[in-house]
Amino acid sequence: MNHRGVEFTVAKTAIPGVWQWQFRIGDETKTGKTETKIDLLAIRRVQLRIDRELKAIGQDGVNRPG
């Protein structure tokens, strides 16, 4: 999947309701788990995490004058 130009994956784990995710920004790979029974919520949580990471490095997708 892709969010704001960042490729990411979300996959079920062997534990019901637990999803494992991964994405890469630059040379840094972020991984983690989220707990929810709803697959779309797991995806949205990863998208929000990507948004936070992009904002932290100043690439939040907002066109700034400059």
N, C-alpha and C. Protein backbone atom coordinates (compact mmCIF):
# COMPACT_ATOMS: atom_id res chain seq x y z
N MET A 1 0.84 -1.17 0.00
CA MET A 1 0.00 0.00 0.00
C MET A 1 0.89 1.24 0.00
N ASN A 2 0.30 2.37 -0.32
CA ASN A 2 1.06 3.61 -0.40
C ASN A 2 0.26 4.73 0.26
N HIS A 3 0.94 5.53 1.08
CA HIS A 3 0.33 6.70 1.72
C HIS A 3 1.32 7.84 1.65
N ARG A 4 0.95 8.90 0.96
CA ARG A 4 1.80 10.09 0.79
C ARG A 4 3.17 9.74 0.24
N GLY A 5 3.20 8.79 -0.67
CA GLY A 5 4.46 8.39 -1.29
C GLY A 5 5.29 7.42 -0.49
N VAL A 6 4.76 6.94 0.62
CA VAL A 6 5.48 5.99 1.48
C VAL A 6 4.81 4.63 1.34
N GLU A 7 5.58 3.64 0.92
CA GLU A 7 5.08 2.27 0.83
C GLU A 7 5.01 1.68 2.23
N PHE A 8 3.91 0.98 2.53
CA PHE A 8 3.78 0.34 3.83
C PHE A 8 3.04 -0.98 3.70
N THR A 9 3.24 -1.83 4.69
CA THR A 9 2.53 -3.11 4.74
C THR A 9 1.84 -3.25 6.08
N VAL A 10 0.70 -3.93 6.06
CA VAL A 10 -0.04 -4.29 7.27
C VAL A 10 -0.45 -5.74 7.09
N ALA A 11 -0.12 -6.57 8.06
CA ALA A 11 -0.41 -8.00 7.94
C ALA A 11 -0.92 -8.56 9.26
N LYS A 12 -1.83 -9.53 9.15
CA LYS A 12 -2.32 -10.24 10.34
C LYS A 12 -1.17 -11.02 10.96
N THR A 13 -1.23 -11.17 12.26
CA THR A 13 -0.28 -12.04 12.95
C THR A 13 -1.01 -13.31 13.37
N ALA A 14 -0.30 -14.21 13.99
CA ALA A 14 -0.92 -15.45 14.47
C ALA A 14 -1.89 -15.18 15.62
N ILE A 15 -1.75 -14.01 16.26
CA ILE A 15 -2.62 -13.64 17.37
C ILE A 15 -3.84 -12.89 16.81
N PRO A 16 -5.04 -13.38 17.06
CA PRO A 16 -6.23 -12.71 16.53
C PRO A 16 -6.33 -11.26 17.02
N GLY A 17 -6.63 -10.36 16.10
CA GLY A 17 -6.79 -8.96 16.45
C GLY A 17 -5.50 -8.17 16.53
N VAL A 18 -4.38 -8.78 16.22
CA VAL A 18 -3.09 -8.09 16.25
C VAL A 18 -2.53 -8.04 14.83
N TRP A 19 -2.14 -6.84 14.43
CA TRP A 19 -1.63 -6.59 13.09
C TRP A 19 -0.20 -6.08 13.19
N GLN A 20 0.65 -6.56 12.29
CA GLN A 20 2.03 -6.09 12.23
C GLN A 20 2.16 -5.16 11.03
N TRP A 21 2.88 -4.04 11.22
CA TRP A 21 3.03 -3.08 10.13
C TRP A 21 4.50 -2.71 9.96
N GLN A 22 4.77 -2.15 8.76
CA GLN A 22 6.15 -1.73 8.44
C GLN A 22 6.09 -0.68 7.35
N PHE A 23 6.96 0.33 7.48
CA PHE A 23 7.15 1.30 6.41
C PHE A 23 8.57 1.84 6.48
N ARG A 24 8.98 2.44 5.39
CA ARG A 24 10.35 2.97 5.29
C ARG A 24 10.30 4.39 4.77
N ILE A 25 10.98 5.29 5.48
CA ILE A 25 11.15 6.68 5.04
C ILE A 25 12.66 6.93 5.00
N GLY A 26 13.15 7.18 3.81
CA GLY A 26 14.59 7.35 3.65
C GLY A 26 15.31 6.05 3.97
N ASP A 27 16.31 6.13 4.84
CA ASP A 27 17.07 4.96 5.24
C ASP A 27 16.52 4.29 6.49
N GLU A 28 15.45 4.86 7.04
CA GLU A 28 14.93 4.36 8.31
C GLU A 28 13.67 3.53 8.10
N THR A 29 13.67 2.32 8.64
CA THR A 29 12.52 1.43 8.58
C THR A 29 11.84 1.42 9.94
N LYS A 30 10.54 1.64 9.92
CA LYS A 30 9.75 1.61 11.16
C LYS A 30 8.87 0.37 11.13
N THR A 31 8.80 -0.32 12.25
CA THR A 31 7.95 -1.50 12.37
C THR A 31 7.19 -1.44 13.68
N GLY A 32 6.09 -2.14 13.74
CA GLY A 32 5.34 -2.18 14.98
C GLY A 32 4.13 -3.07 14.86
N LYS A 33 3.32 -3.05 15.91
CA LYS A 33 2.09 -3.83 15.96
C LYS A 33 0.98 -2.93 16.46
N THR A 34 -0.22 -3.24 16.02
CA THR A 34 -1.40 -2.55 16.52
C THR A 34 -2.48 -3.58 16.78
N GLU A 35 -3.32 -3.29 17.75
CA GLU A 35 -4.36 -4.25 18.13
C GLU A 35 -5.73 -3.70 17.77
N THR A 36 -6.40 -4.39 16.88
CA THR A 36 -7.77 -4.07 16.49
C THR A 36 -8.34 -5.26 15.71
N LYS A 37 -9.63 -5.41 15.75
CA LYS A 37 -10.27 -6.47 14.98
C LYS A 37 -10.62 -6.01 13.57
N ILE A 38 -10.50 -4.71 13.32
CA ILE A 38 -10.93 -4.13 12.04
C ILE A 38 -9.70 -3.82 11.18
N ASP A 39 -9.60 -4.46 10.02
CA ASP A 39 -8.42 -4.27 9.17
C ASP A 39 -8.25 -2.82 8.72
N LEU A 40 -9.34 -2.14 8.38
CA LEU A 40 -9.24 -0.76 7.92
C LEU A 40 -8.74 0.17 9.02
N LEU A 41 -9.07 -0.14 10.27
CA LEU A 41 -8.56 0.66 11.37
C LEU A 41 -7.05 0.46 11.54
N ALA A 42 -6.59 -0.77 11.36
CA ALA A 42 -5.15 -1.04 11.43
C ALA A 42 -4.42 -0.24 10.35
N ILE A 43 -4.98 -0.21 9.15
CA ILE A 43 -4.37 0.54 8.04
C ILE A 43 -4.36 2.03 8.38
N ARG A 44 -5.47 2.55 8.88
CA ARG A 44 -5.54 3.97 9.22
C ARG A 44 -4.54 4.35 10.28
N ARG A 45 -4.33 3.49 11.25
CA ARG A 45 -3.35 3.78 12.30
C ARG A 45 -1.94 3.89 11.73
N VAL A 46 -1.63 3.04 10.77
CA VAL A 46 -0.31 3.13 10.13
C VAL A 46 -0.20 4.42 9.32
N GLN A 47 -1.26 4.79 8.63
CA GLN A 47 -1.26 6.04 7.86
C GLN A 47 -1.04 7.24 8.78
N LEU A 48 -1.66 7.23 9.94
CA LEU A 48 -1.46 8.32 10.90
C LEU A 48 -0.03 8.34 11.42
N ARG A 49 0.54 7.17 11.62
CA ARG A 49 1.94 7.09 12.07
C ARG A 49 2.87 7.65 11.00
N ILE A 50 2.59 7.32 9.73
CA ILE A 50 3.38 7.86 8.62
C ILE A 50 3.26 9.38 8.60
N ASP A 51 2.04 9.90 8.78
CA ASP A 51 1.84 11.35 8.82
C ASP A 51 2.69 12.00 9.91
N ARG A 52 2.72 11.40 11.09
CA ARG A 52 3.53 11.94 12.20
C ARG A 52 5.01 11.93 11.85
N GLU A 53 5.48 10.85 11.26
CA GLU A 53 6.89 10.75 10.91
C GLU A 53 7.27 11.78 9.84
N LEU A 54 6.41 11.95 8.83
CA LEU A 54 6.69 12.93 7.78
C LEU A 54 6.68 14.34 8.35
N LYS A 55 5.75 14.62 9.24
CA LYS A 55 5.68 15.95 9.86
C LYS A 55 6.94 16.22 10.67
N ALA A 56 7.42 15.21 11.37
CA ALA A 56 8.61 15.36 12.20
C ALA A 56 9.85 15.71 11.39
N ILE A 57 9.90 15.24 10.14
CA ILE A 57 11.06 15.55 9.30
C ILE A 57 10.75 16.67 8.32
N GLY A 58 9.57 17.28 8.46
CA GLY A 58 9.23 18.43 7.63
C GLY A 58 8.75 18.11 6.24
N GLN A 59 8.22 16.92 6.04
CA GLN A 59 7.70 16.51 4.73
C GLN A 59 6.24 16.11 4.86
N ASP A 60 5.44 16.99 5.46
CA ASP A 60 4.05 16.62 5.72
C ASP A 60 3.12 16.82 4.54
N GLY A 61 3.66 17.15 3.37
CA GLY A 61 2.83 17.25 2.20
C GLY A 61 2.17 18.60 2.00
N VAL A 62 2.44 19.54 2.91
CA VAL A 62 1.88 20.87 2.79
C VAL A 62 2.83 21.74 2.00
N ASN A 63 2.31 22.40 0.97
CA ASN A 63 3.15 23.29 0.17
C ASN A 63 3.43 24.56 0.97
N ARG A 64 4.67 24.80 1.24
CA ARG A 64 5.04 25.99 1.99
C ARG A 64 5.74 26.98 1.09
N PRO A 65 5.46 28.26 1.27
CA PRO A 65 6.18 29.26 0.46
C PRO A 65 7.65 29.24 0.81
N GLY A 66 8.47 29.51 -0.17
CA GLY A 66 9.87 29.49 0.21
C GLY A 66 10.73 29.72 -0.92
